[in-house]
Amino acid sequence: MVDDPGHFNLFSNLQLQGIDALPVTRTAEGPDLEQLEALAREYRPKVMFTQSVLHTPTSSMCRQPVLLRWITCSE
């Protein structure tokens, strides 16, 4: 899974490596957790690439409540 929007060449670089990236909508607070949870249940991905501080291109940062919920959801 990857933040969407994300770094301008990330999706194409992942695709060149044979990786099918699942886009997760990036909000002002961080990743859309409902969408993230739904994708995780359906596809069971092994990893998520995200930028928690100074996200490119939005310059947003993950807020603490979002991070705490994310951590407890992934256990």
N, C-alpha and C. Protein backbone atom coordinates (compact mmCIF):
# COMPACT_ATOMS: atom_id res chain seq x y z
N MET A 1 0.85 -1.16 0.00
CA MET A 1 0.00 0.00 0.00
C MET A 1 0.90 1.23 0.00
N VAL A 2 0.40 2.30 -0.62
CA VAL A 2 1.17 3.53 -0.78
C VAL A 2 0.25 4.73 -0.64
N ASP A 3 0.75 5.80 0.00
CA ASP A 3 0.00 7.05 0.08
C ASP A 3 -0.39 7.55 -1.30
N ASP A 4 -1.61 8.06 -1.43
CA ASP A 4 -2.06 8.67 -2.68
C ASP A 4 -2.78 9.96 -2.37
N PRO A 5 -2.26 11.14 -2.76
CA PRO A 5 -1.11 11.28 -3.64
C PRO A 5 0.18 10.95 -2.91
N GLY A 6 1.17 10.64 -3.71
CA GLY A 6 2.49 10.33 -3.18
C GLY A 6 3.57 10.97 -4.02
N HIS A 7 4.79 10.64 -3.73
CA HIS A 7 5.93 11.16 -4.48
C HIS A 7 5.71 10.88 -5.96
N PHE A 8 6.01 11.85 -6.80
CA PHE A 8 5.61 11.79 -8.21
C PHE A 8 6.09 10.55 -8.96
N ASN A 9 7.22 10.00 -8.60
CA ASN A 9 7.68 8.84 -9.37
C ASN A 9 7.61 7.52 -8.59
N LEU A 10 7.02 7.52 -7.42
CA LEU A 10 6.99 6.31 -6.61
C LEU A 10 6.20 5.18 -7.27
N PHE A 11 4.99 5.48 -7.76
CA PHE A 11 4.15 4.43 -8.36
C PHE A 11 4.84 3.81 -9.57
N SER A 12 5.44 4.63 -10.41
CA SER A 12 6.10 4.08 -11.60
C SER A 12 7.34 3.27 -11.22
N ASN A 13 8.09 3.71 -10.22
CA ASN A 13 9.25 2.93 -9.78
C ASN A 13 8.83 1.59 -9.18
N LEU A 14 7.77 1.58 -8.40
CA LEU A 14 7.28 0.32 -7.84
C LEU A 14 6.82 -0.62 -8.95
N GLN A 15 6.13 -0.07 -9.93
CA GLN A 15 5.64 -0.87 -11.05
C GLN A 15 6.80 -1.48 -11.83
N LEU A 16 7.87 -0.72 -12.03
CA LEU A 16 9.06 -1.25 -12.72
C LEU A 16 9.68 -2.42 -11.97
N GLN A 17 9.49 -2.46 -10.66
CA GLN A 17 10.01 -3.56 -9.84
C GLN A 17 9.03 -4.73 -9.74
N GLY A 18 7.90 -4.62 -10.45
CA GLY A 18 6.92 -5.68 -10.44
C GLY A 18 6.00 -5.65 -9.24
N ILE A 19 5.91 -4.51 -8.59
CA ILE A 19 5.07 -4.36 -7.39
C ILE A 19 3.76 -3.70 -7.77
N ASP A 20 2.65 -4.34 -7.41
CA ASP A 20 1.33 -3.74 -7.62
C ASP A 20 0.98 -2.93 -6.37
N ALA A 21 1.09 -1.62 -6.49
CA ALA A 21 0.83 -0.74 -5.35
C ALA A 21 -0.66 -0.49 -5.19
N LEU A 22 -1.12 -0.57 -3.96
CA LEU A 22 -2.51 -0.25 -3.64
C LEU A 22 -2.54 1.17 -3.10
N PRO A 23 -3.19 2.11 -3.80
CA PRO A 23 -3.22 3.49 -3.32
C PRO A 23 -4.16 3.66 -2.13
N VAL A 24 -3.67 4.36 -1.11
CA VAL A 24 -4.46 4.70 0.08
C VAL A 24 -4.54 6.22 0.12
N THR A 25 -5.75 6.74 0.10
CA THR A 25 -5.94 8.19 0.08
C THR A 25 -5.29 8.84 1.28
N ARG A 26 -4.53 9.89 1.03
CA ARG A 26 -3.87 10.66 2.08
C ARG A 26 -4.75 11.86 2.41
N THR A 27 -5.09 11.99 3.69
CA THR A 27 -5.89 13.14 4.15
C THR A 27 -4.96 14.11 4.87
N ALA A 28 -5.49 15.21 5.34
CA ALA A 28 -4.69 16.19 6.09
C ALA A 28 -4.19 15.61 7.41
N GLU A 29 -4.85 14.55 7.90
CA GLU A 29 -4.49 13.93 9.18
C GLU A 29 -3.57 12.72 9.01
N GLY A 30 -3.43 12.23 7.80
CA GLY A 30 -2.64 11.03 7.54
C GLY A 30 -3.43 10.11 6.61
N PRO A 31 -3.07 8.84 6.54
CA PRO A 31 -3.79 7.91 5.66
C PRO A 31 -5.26 7.78 6.08
N ASP A 32 -6.13 7.59 5.09
CA ASP A 32 -7.54 7.33 5.35
C ASP A 32 -7.64 5.94 5.96
N LEU A 33 -7.86 5.88 7.26
CA LEU A 33 -7.79 4.61 7.98
C LEU A 33 -8.90 3.64 7.59
N GLU A 34 -10.07 4.13 7.27
CA GLU A 34 -11.16 3.23 6.86
C GLU A 34 -10.78 2.54 5.55
N GLN A 35 -10.25 3.31 4.61
CA GLN A 35 -9.83 2.73 3.33
C GLN A 35 -8.65 1.78 3.54
N LEU A 36 -7.70 2.17 4.37
CA LEU A 36 -6.54 1.34 4.67
C LEU A 36 -6.99 0.00 5.25
N GLU A 37 -7.91 0.03 6.21
CA GLU A 37 -8.39 -1.20 6.83
C GLU A 37 -9.10 -2.10 5.82
N ALA A 38 -9.92 -1.49 4.96
CA ALA A 38 -10.65 -2.27 3.96
C ALA A 38 -9.68 -2.93 2.97
N LEU A 39 -8.68 -2.18 2.51
CA LEU A 39 -7.70 -2.74 1.59
C LEU A 39 -6.88 -3.84 2.26
N ALA A 40 -6.52 -3.63 3.51
CA ALA A 40 -5.73 -4.62 4.24
C ALA A 40 -6.51 -5.92 4.41
N ARG A 41 -7.80 -5.81 4.71
CA ARG A 41 -8.63 -7.02 4.86
C ARG A 41 -8.75 -7.77 3.52
N GLU A 42 -8.94 -7.01 2.45
CA GLU A 42 -9.18 -7.63 1.15
C GLU A 42 -7.90 -8.21 0.53
N TYR A 43 -6.79 -7.46 0.57
CA TYR A 43 -5.59 -7.85 -0.15
C TYR A 43 -4.47 -8.43 0.72
N ARG A 44 -4.54 -8.23 2.04
CA ARG A 44 -3.52 -8.73 2.97
C ARG A 44 -2.11 -8.36 2.52
N PRO A 45 -1.84 -7.06 2.30
CA PRO A 45 -0.50 -6.65 1.84
C PRO A 45 0.55 -6.90 2.91
N LYS A 46 1.78 -6.98 2.48
CA LYS A 46 2.89 -7.24 3.38
C LYS A 46 3.51 -5.96 3.93
N VAL A 47 3.30 -4.83 3.26
CA VAL A 47 3.97 -3.59 3.66
C VAL A 47 3.16 -2.38 3.18
N MET A 48 3.36 -1.27 3.89
CA MET A 48 2.81 0.01 3.43
C MET A 48 3.93 1.03 3.46
N PHE A 49 4.10 1.72 2.35
CA PHE A 49 5.06 2.81 2.26
C PHE A 49 4.31 4.10 2.52
N THR A 50 4.69 4.80 3.56
CA THR A 50 4.04 6.07 3.89
C THR A 50 5.09 7.04 4.39
N GLN A 51 4.77 8.29 4.33
CA GLN A 51 5.64 9.35 4.79
C GLN A 51 4.89 10.07 5.91
N SER A 52 5.29 9.85 7.16
CA SER A 52 4.52 10.37 8.29
C SER A 52 4.77 11.84 8.56
N VAL A 53 5.93 12.36 8.18
CA VAL A 53 6.27 13.76 8.43
C VAL A 53 6.65 14.42 7.11
N LEU A 54 6.13 15.63 6.90
CA LEU A 54 6.39 16.39 5.67
C LEU A 54 6.14 15.54 4.42
N HIS A 55 4.95 15.00 4.36
CA HIS A 55 4.51 14.15 3.25
C HIS A 55 4.63 14.90 1.93
N THR A 56 5.16 14.22 0.91
CA THR A 56 5.24 14.79 -0.43
C THR A 56 4.07 14.25 -1.24
N PRO A 57 3.24 15.04 -1.87
CA PRO A 57 3.33 16.47 -2.13
C PRO A 57 2.48 17.33 -1.19
N THR A 58 1.81 16.76 -0.20
CA THR A 58 0.85 17.55 0.59
C THR A 58 1.49 18.33 1.74
N SER A 59 2.71 17.97 2.15
CA SER A 59 3.41 18.56 3.29
C SER A 59 2.66 18.35 4.60
N SER A 60 1.74 17.39 4.63
CA SER A 60 0.99 17.10 5.86
C SER A 60 1.81 16.17 6.76
N MET A 61 1.36 16.05 8.00
CA MET A 61 1.98 15.14 8.95
C MET A 61 0.88 14.29 9.57
N CYS A 62 1.21 13.05 9.87
CA CYS A 62 0.23 12.18 10.53
C CYS A 62 -0.01 12.70 11.95
N ARG A 63 -1.25 12.80 12.32
CA ARG A 63 -1.62 13.25 13.66
C ARG A 63 -1.58 12.07 14.63
N GLN A 64 -1.29 12.37 15.88
CA GLN A 64 -1.12 11.32 16.88
C GLN A 64 -2.33 10.38 16.99
N PRO A 65 -3.58 10.89 17.03
CA PRO A 65 -4.71 9.96 17.12
C PRO A 65 -4.78 8.99 15.93
N VAL A 66 -4.41 9.46 14.74
CA VAL A 66 -4.40 8.60 13.56
C VAL A 66 -3.33 7.52 13.72
N LEU A 67 -2.14 7.92 14.15
CA LEU A 67 -1.06 6.94 14.33
C LEU A 67 -1.40 5.90 15.39
N LEU A 68 -2.00 6.34 16.49
CA LEU A 68 -2.36 5.40 17.54
C LEU A 68 -3.41 4.41 17.06
N ARG A 69 -4.39 4.88 16.31
CA ARG A 69 -5.41 3.98 15.78
C ARG A 69 -4.79 3.02 14.77
N TRP A 70 -3.90 3.52 13.95
CA TRP A 70 -3.22 2.70 12.94
C TRP A 70 -2.44 1.58 13.62
N ILE A 71 -1.72 1.91 14.69
CA ILE A 71 -0.92 0.92 15.40
C ILE A 71 -1.82 -0.16 16.01
N THR A 72 -2.90 0.25 16.64
CA THR A 72 -3.77 -0.73 17.28
C THR A 72 -4.52 -1.59 16.27
N CYS A 73 -4.76 -1.05 15.07
CA CYS A 73 -5.44 -1.82 14.04
C CYS A 73 -4.53 -2.88 13.43
N SER A 74 -3.23 -2.64 13.45
CA SER A 74 -2.32 -3.56 12.77
C SER A 74 -1.82 -4.68 13.69
N GLU A 75 -2.21 -4.67 14.95
CA GLU A 75 -1.73 -5.71 15.87
C GLU A 75 -2.50 -7.00 15.71
